[in-house]
């Protein structure tokens, strides 16, 4: 099984607060590799563009006729189809290989990620890549002659999902400022880290973690909030988050497979604890108005009978994701 990121002590939910310093790198404008390289103005720009696309602006001159290469070395449904749908809506073409494990661009053939990027970037105007290896997108960006968009690299990051999550949270809550936002599920996942980077601009009142007992909250995730002086606390039962929070971003309670290669036969031995499952009974028992989000796929952490409740926002989150990915593609295709 692939290595997972280091964990923190479960009691360590506060870090020393100090002024946040955002590093500047040239890759922030050339590629989209990390949510850490997206500033608050860019978040607003992406969200405004997504709203325009949602309202019916489907074509821009900079994207029409361009080609987007989708290189998914790791299995994907929503992100892969989402980027393909976004490209089509923009008037661009999406190309790629359905099963990268069967491609010559894999470990078995010996071709490096760098060579793969050098080749594919000469067939396309942008590359969207997902890989089980942390840092894979950055490796490809180093040799690509066209923009590289990180669609998830191992345990590391998933920046476009974080933009989707911010867009969906703003839509549901009106504003994230002064709201209580909870994270349910495995706190080690790449979606948590990327969303943490963007939430620091949104000024939530607090962040509430509801992790399973067998995984700790990564130190770097806590540090992101601590450096922005955003209070963090932990609860041991999802009912507490349902009662106290304005929104809950759920995830599976074991995401160890995101660090596995596409041909891995790894199956998680973990199951969702009952205390961490969201059900209609728990929502009704505390009169919860917390909005429920999830990057999907879900396991048992949100019961399907919640789907038609007013709290459920996760399928709307999927709908909105197309417009954010249109905004991302349009920015990089238009600049190319």
Protein backbone atom coordinates (compact mmCIF):
# COMPACT_ATOMS: atom_id res chain seq x y z
CA UNK A 1 0.00 0.00 0.00
CA UNK A 2 1.22 3.51 -0.80
CA UNK A 3 2.64 5.71 1.95
CA UNK A 4 0.26 8.19 3.53
CA UNK A 5 1.03 11.67 4.87
CA UNK A 6 2.18 12.24 8.41
CA UNK A 7 -0.42 12.66 11.10
CA UNK A 8 -0.71 15.00 14.05
CA UNK A 9 -1.71 14.40 17.63
CA UNK A 10 -5.50 14.24 17.88
CA UNK A 11 -5.43 16.86 20.63
CA UNK A 12 -3.51 19.37 18.55
CA UNK A 13 -6.27 21.46 17.02
CA UNK A 14 -4.64 24.85 17.54
CA UNK A 15 -1.47 26.24 16.08
CA UNK A 16 0.23 29.54 16.74
CA UNK A 17 -1.43 32.33 14.80
CA UNK A 18 0.63 34.73 12.72
CA UNK A 19 0.27 36.73 9.53
CA UNK A 20 -0.18 34.42 6.56
CA UNK A 21 2.46 34.64 3.87
CA UNK A 22 1.50 33.37 0.45
CA UNK A 23 4.47 32.31 -1.67
CA UNK A 24 4.54 33.52 -5.26
CA UNK A 25 5.67 31.21 -8.03
CA UNK A 26 5.72 31.60 -11.78
CA UNK A 27 3.74 28.35 -12.12
CA UNK A 28 0.73 30.02 -10.50
CA UNK A 29 -0.07 31.73 -13.83
CA UNK A 30 1.27 29.04 -16.19
CA UNK A 31 -0.30 25.94 -14.62
CA UNK A 32 -2.90 25.07 -11.98
CA UNK A 33 -1.02 22.72 -9.66
CA UNK A 34 -1.96 23.78 -6.12
CA UNK A 35 -4.74 25.65 -4.38
CA UNK A 36 -1.95 27.25 -2.36
CA UNK A 37 -1.08 29.24 -5.49
CA UNK A 38 -4.61 30.58 -6.03
CA UNK A 39 -5.20 33.95 -4.38
CA UNK A 40 -8.50 35.40 -3.17
CA UNK A 41 -8.98 37.57 -6.26
CA UNK A 42 -8.53 34.53 -8.50
CA UNK A 43 -11.12 32.58 -6.50
CA UNK A 44 -13.60 35.41 -7.07
CA UNK A 45 -12.70 35.58 -10.76
CA UNK A 46 -13.26 31.84 -11.23
CA UNK A 47 -16.60 32.03 -9.41
CA UNK A 48 -17.79 35.01 -11.47
CA UNK A 49 -16.81 33.25 -14.68
CA UNK A 50 -18.64 30.11 -13.54
CA UNK A 51 -21.78 32.16 -12.87
CA UNK A 52 -21.57 33.61 -16.39
CA UNK A 53 -21.29 30.14 -17.90
CA UNK A 54 -24.18 28.93 -15.76
CA UNK A 55 -26.26 31.85 -17.03
CA UNK A 56 -25.76 30.72 -20.61
CA UNK A 57 -22.45 32.10 -21.85
CA UNK A 58 -21.14 28.88 -23.34
CA UNK A 59 -18.55 29.95 -25.87
CA UNK A 60 -15.58 32.30 -25.70
CA UNK A 61 -13.26 32.95 -28.66
CA UNK A 62 -10.19 31.84 -26.73
CA UNK A 63 -11.47 28.29 -26.15
CA UNK A 64 -13.32 27.42 -29.35
CA UNK A 65 -11.43 24.90 -31.44
CA UNK A 66 -8.81 24.19 -28.77
CA UNK A 67 -7.85 20.70 -27.60
CA UNK A 68 -7.75 19.46 -23.99
CA UNK A 69 -5.84 16.27 -23.20
CA UNK A 70 -7.31 14.25 -20.31
CA UNK A 71 -4.62 12.02 -18.78
CA UNK A 72 -6.18 10.04 -15.95
CA UNK A 73 -3.62 7.55 -14.67
CA UNK A 74 -6.01 6.96 -11.76
CA UNK A 75 -9.69 6.07 -11.97
CA UNK A 76 -12.15 8.96 -12.11
CA UNK A 77 -15.79 9.44 -12.96
CA UNK A 78 -16.99 12.92 -11.94
CA UNK A 79 -13.74 14.80 -12.53
CA UNK A 80 -13.00 13.11 -15.86
CA UNK A 81 -16.54 13.52 -17.22
CA UNK A 82 -16.78 16.99 -15.68
CA UNK A 83 -13.72 18.25 -17.55
CA UNK A 84 -14.88 16.57 -20.76
CA UNK A 85 -18.33 18.15 -20.46
CA UNK A 86 -16.73 21.52 -19.72
CA UNK A 87 -14.48 21.28 -22.78
CA UNK A 88 -17.39 20.38 -25.05
CA UNK A 89 -19.50 23.25 -23.67
CA UNK A 90 -16.66 25.67 -24.42
CA UNK A 91 -16.40 24.48 -28.01
CA UNK A 92 -13.12 22.69 -27.36
CA UNK A 93 -12.30 19.05 -28.04
CA UNK A 94 -11.30 16.55 -25.35
CA UNK A 95 -8.83 13.79 -26.18
CA UNK A 96 -7.25 11.11 -24.03
CA UNK A 97 -6.91 7.43 -23.23
CA UNK A 98 -9.74 5.69 -21.38
CA UNK A 99 -7.37 3.37 -19.51
CA UNK A 100 -3.92 4.84 -18.93
CA UNK A 101 -2.77 1.56 -17.38
CA UNK A 102 -3.09 0.07 -20.88
CA UNK A 103 -1.20 2.97 -22.48
CA UNK A 104 2.50 2.93 -23.35
CA UNK A 105 2.77 5.96 -21.01
CA UNK A 106 2.91 3.91 -17.84
CA UNK A 107 5.42 2.38 -15.45
CA UNK A 108 5.40 -0.94 -17.32
CA UNK A 109 6.68 0.64 -20.55
CA UNK A 110 9.19 2.78 -18.69
CA UNK A 111 8.13 6.13 -20.17
CA UNK A 112 8.48 8.89 -17.61
CA UNK A 113 5.77 11.38 -16.71
CA UNK A 114 8.09 14.09 -18.00
CA UNK A 115 8.33 12.50 -21.45
CA UNK A 116 4.60 11.87 -21.51
CA UNK A 117 3.96 15.57 -20.84
CA UNK A 118 6.49 16.66 -23.43
CA UNK A 119 4.74 14.53 -26.07
CA UNK A 120 1.08 15.13 -25.20
CA UNK A 121 1.52 18.89 -24.78
CA UNK A 122 2.53 19.02 -28.44
CA UNK A 123 -0.80 17.45 -29.42
CA UNK A 124 -2.95 19.69 -27.22
CA UNK A 125 -3.54 23.16 -25.80
CA UNK A 126 -3.84 22.06 -22.16
CA UNK A 127 -3.36 18.89 -20.12
CA UNK A 128 -5.60 17.75 -17.26
CA UNK A 129 -3.88 15.05 -15.24
CA UNK A 130 -4.77 12.73 -12.36
CA UNK A 131 -2.18 10.41 -10.87
CA UNK A 132 -1.71 8.34 -7.71
CA UNK A 133 1.72 9.88 -7.09
CA UNK A 134 1.99 13.12 -5.08
CA UNK A 135 3.82 15.70 -7.17
CA UNK A 136 3.01 14.02 -10.50
CA UNK A 137 1.29 17.10 -11.92
CA UNK A 138 4.29 19.28 -11.05
CA UNK A 139 6.63 16.80 -12.73
CA UNK A 140 4.57 16.96 -15.90
CA UNK A 141 4.34 20.74 -15.77
CA UNK A 142 8.14 20.96 -15.70
CA UNK A 143 8.33 19.48 -19.22
CA UNK A 144 5.00 20.46 -20.74
CA UNK A 145 4.93 23.28 -23.28
CA UNK A 146 1.24 23.88 -22.51
CA UNK A 147 -0.67 24.48 -19.24
CA UNK A 148 -1.07 21.54 -16.86
CA UNK A 149 -4.11 21.34 -14.59
CA UNK A 150 -3.87 19.11 -11.54
CA UNK A 151 -6.99 16.94 -11.23
CA UNK A 152 -5.65 15.13 -8.16
CA UNK A 153 -2.15 13.90 -7.40
CA UNK A 154 -2.10 11.18 -4.78
CA UNK A 155 -2.51 12.47 -1.24
CA UNK A 156 -1.35 15.93 -2.21
CA UNK A 157 -3.99 18.20 -3.77
CA UNK A 158 -7.08 18.58 -5.93
CA UNK A 159 -7.28 22.35 -6.59
CA UNK A 160 -10.20 22.37 -9.04
CA UNK A 161 -12.34 20.41 -6.57
CA UNK A 162 -11.56 23.07 -3.96
CA UNK A 163 -12.81 25.75 -6.36
CA UNK A 164 -15.96 23.69 -6.92
CA UNK A 165 -16.45 23.37 -3.16
CA UNK A 166 -16.06 27.11 -2.55
CA UNK A 167 -18.48 27.92 -5.38
CA UNK A 168 -21.03 25.44 -4.01
CA UNK A 169 -20.61 26.59 -0.39
CA UNK A 170 -21.11 30.22 -1.41
CA UNK A 171 -24.18 29.25 -3.41
CA UNK A 172 -25.76 27.35 -0.55
CA UNK A 173 -24.79 29.61 2.35
CA UNK A 174 -24.79 32.98 0.62
CA UNK A 175 -21.45 33.65 2.29
CA UNK A 176 -18.93 31.50 4.13
CA UNK A 177 -17.86 34.40 6.35
CA UNK A 178 -18.68 33.81 10.03
CA UNK A 179 -20.09 30.36 9.27
CA UNK A 180 -19.18 27.09 11.01
CA UNK A 181 -17.81 24.63 8.44
CA UNK A 182 -17.28 20.97 9.30
CA UNK A 183 -15.13 18.30 7.67
CA UNK A 184 -16.48 14.77 8.05
CA UNK A 185 -14.55 11.73 6.91
CA UNK A 186 -10.89 10.94 6.34
CA UNK A 187 -9.05 14.22 7.09
CA UNK A 188 -5.94 13.16 5.15
CA UNK A 189 -7.48 13.43 1.70
CA UNK A 190 -6.29 15.79 -1.03
CA UNK A 191 -9.70 17.49 -1.21
CA UNK A 192 -9.39 18.53 2.45
CA UNK A 193 -5.94 20.09 1.97
CA UNK A 194 -6.90 22.02 -1.16
CA UNK A 195 -10.16 23.27 0.33
CA UNK A 196 -8.31 24.38 3.48
CA UNK A 197 -6.07 26.59 1.34
CA UNK A 198 -9.09 28.37 -0.13
CA UNK A 199 -11.19 28.56 3.03
CA UNK A 200 -8.56 30.79 4.65
CA UNK A 201 -9.76 33.60 2.32
CA UNK A 202 -13.42 33.09 3.25
CA UNK A 203 -13.15 33.92 6.98
CA UNK A 204 -15.33 31.15 8.44
CA UNK A 205 -16.07 31.44 12.15
CA UNK A 206 -14.61 28.01 12.84
CA UNK A 207 -13.59 24.71 11.31
CA UNK A 208 -14.97 21.57 12.95
CA UNK A 209 -13.35 18.19 12.27
CA UNK A 210 -15.17 14.91 12.76
CA UNK A 211 -12.53 12.32 11.83
CA UNK A 212 -12.64 8.59 12.55
CA UNK A 213 -10.68 7.42 15.57
CA UNK A 214 -8.07 5.68 13.46
CA UNK A 215 -6.82 8.76 11.53
CA UNK A 216 -5.42 12.03 12.85
CA UNK A 217 -5.69 15.44 11.26
CA UNK A 218 -2.51 16.21 9.29
CA UNK A 219 -0.35 18.90 10.88
CA UNK A 220 -0.09 20.91 7.68
CA UNK A 221 -3.87 21.13 7.34
CA UNK A 222 -4.17 22.45 10.90
CA UNK A 223 -1.34 24.88 10.22
CA UNK A 224 -3.17 26.36 7.21
CA UNK A 225 -6.04 27.41 9.49
CA UNK A 226 -3.77 28.36 12.38
CA UNK A 227 -1.72 30.70 10.21
CA UNK A 228 -4.93 32.45 9.20
CA UNK A 229 -6.12 32.53 12.83
CA UNK A 230 -9.20 30.42 12.11
CA UNK A 231 -10.31 28.43 15.15
CA UNK A 232 -10.41 24.64 14.84
CA UNK A 233 -12.09 22.10 17.08
CA UNK A 234 -12.93 18.42 16.92
CA UNK A 235 -16.10 16.42 17.64
CA UNK A 236 -16.37 12.66 17.95
CA UNK A 237 -19.91 12.23 16.61
CA UNK A 238 -21.35 13.62 13.38
CA UNK A 239 -24.58 14.49 15.22
CA UNK A 240 -22.68 17.28 16.99
CA UNK A 241 -21.70 18.76 13.64
CA UNK A 242 -25.27 18.43 12.39
CA UNK A 243 -26.47 20.36 15.42
CA UNK A 244 -23.83 23.10 15.47
CA UNK A 245 -22.53 23.70 11.94
CA UNK A 246 -23.81 25.59 8.92
CA UNK A 247 -22.30 23.18 6.39
CA UNK A 248 -20.57 19.80 6.45
CA UNK A 249 -18.12 18.71 3.75
CA UNK A 250 -18.26 14.94 3.95
CA UNK A 251 -15.86 12.35 2.52
CA UNK A 252 -15.39 8.61 2.84
CA UNK A 253 -13.94 7.58 6.21
CA UNK A 254 -10.99 5.85 4.62
CA UNK A 255 -9.45 7.30 1.46
CA UNK A 256 -6.30 5.18 1.39
CA UNK A 257 -7.01 4.14 -2.20
CA UNK A 258 -6.19 7.63 -3.54
CA UNK A 259 -2.52 6.82 -3.12
CA UNK A 260 -2.82 3.57 -5.05
CA UNK A 261 -1.99 2.96 -8.70
CA UNK A 262 -4.86 2.25 -11.11
CA UNK A 263 -4.02 -1.46 -11.28
CA UNK A 264 -3.80 -1.86 -7.48
CA UNK A 265 -5.97 -4.54 -5.85
CA UNK A 266 -6.02 -2.66 -2.53
CA UNK A 267 -9.36 -2.78 -0.71
CA UNK A 268 -9.81 -0.72 2.43
CA UNK A 269 -10.42 -2.75 5.58
CA UNK A 270 -12.19 0.22 7.17
CA UNK A 271 -15.92 0.77 7.40
CA UNK A 272 -17.82 3.90 8.37
CA UNK A 273 -18.53 4.02 12.11
CA UNK A 274 -22.25 4.38 12.87
CA UNK A 275 -21.47 7.46 14.95
CA UNK A 276 -20.15 9.14 11.80
CA UNK A 277 -22.98 8.24 9.39
CA UNK A 278 -25.48 10.95 8.43
CA UNK A 279 -29.06 9.68 8.34
CA UNK A 280 -32.47 11.40 8.12
CA UNK A 281 -33.14 10.35 11.72
CA UNK A 282 -30.07 12.20 12.99
CA UNK A 283 -30.91 15.29 10.92
CA UNK A 284 -34.49 15.36 12.21
CA UNK A 285 -33.53 14.56 15.79
CA UNK A 286 -31.47 17.76 16.16
CA UNK A 287 -33.50 19.84 13.69
CA UNK A 288 -30.35 20.28 11.61
CA UNK A 289 -30.25 22.87 8.87
CA UNK A 290 -26.62 22.10 8.05
CA UNK A 291 -26.03 21.86 4.32
CA UNK A 292 -24.39 18.59 3.24
CA UNK A 293 -21.66 18.56 0.62
CA UNK A 294 -19.51 15.74 -0.71
CA UNK A 295 -16.94 15.57 -3.54
CA UNK A 296 -18.14 11.99 -4.18
CA UNK A 297 -18.07 9.06 -4.52
CA UNK A 298 -19.75 8.33 -1.21
CA UNK A 299 -19.76 5.09 0.71
CA UNK A 300 -21.98 4.78 3.81
CA UNK A 301 -21.23 8.22 5.29
CA UNK A 302 -24.42 9.82 3.92
CA UNK A 303 -27.41 7.51 3.68
CA UNK A 304 -29.18 7.68 0.27
CA UNK A 305 -32.46 8.47 2.03
CA UNK A 306 -30.97 11.92 2.75
CA UNK A 307 -30.84 12.72 -0.96
CA UNK A 308 -34.27 14.37 -1.15
CA UNK A 309 -33.89 16.35 2.07
CA UNK A 310 -33.32 20.13 1.85
CA UNK A 311 -29.92 19.67 3.53
CA UNK A 312 -28.54 17.68 0.59
CA UNK A 313 -26.34 19.81 -1.66
CA UNK A 314 -23.96 17.21 -3.09
CA UNK A 315 -25.72 16.62 -6.40
CA UNK A 316 -26.13 20.37 -6.88
CA UNK A 317 -22.41 20.57 -6.12
CA UNK A 318 -21.85 18.19 -9.06
CA UNK A 319 -23.99 20.35 -11.35
CA UNK A 320 -22.06 23.48 -10.38
CA UNK A 321 -18.72 21.72 -10.91
CA UNK A 322 -19.12 21.84 -14.69
CA UNK A 323 -19.21 25.64 -14.69
CA UNK A 324 -16.14 25.98 -12.49
CA UNK A 325 -14.23 23.60 -14.73
CA UNK A 326 -15.38 25.61 -17.73
CA UNK A 327 -13.95 28.70 -16.02
CA UNK A 328 -10.65 26.95 -15.35
CA UNK A 329 -10.28 25.58 -18.87
CA UNK A 330 -11.31 28.88 -20.44
CA UNK A 331 -8.68 30.78 -18.50
CA UNK A 332 -5.82 28.53 -19.57
CA UNK A 333 -7.03 27.88 -23.13
CA UNK A 334 -7.58 31.58 -23.74
CA UNK A 335 -4.09 32.41 -22.49
CA UNK A 336 -2.53 29.80 -24.77
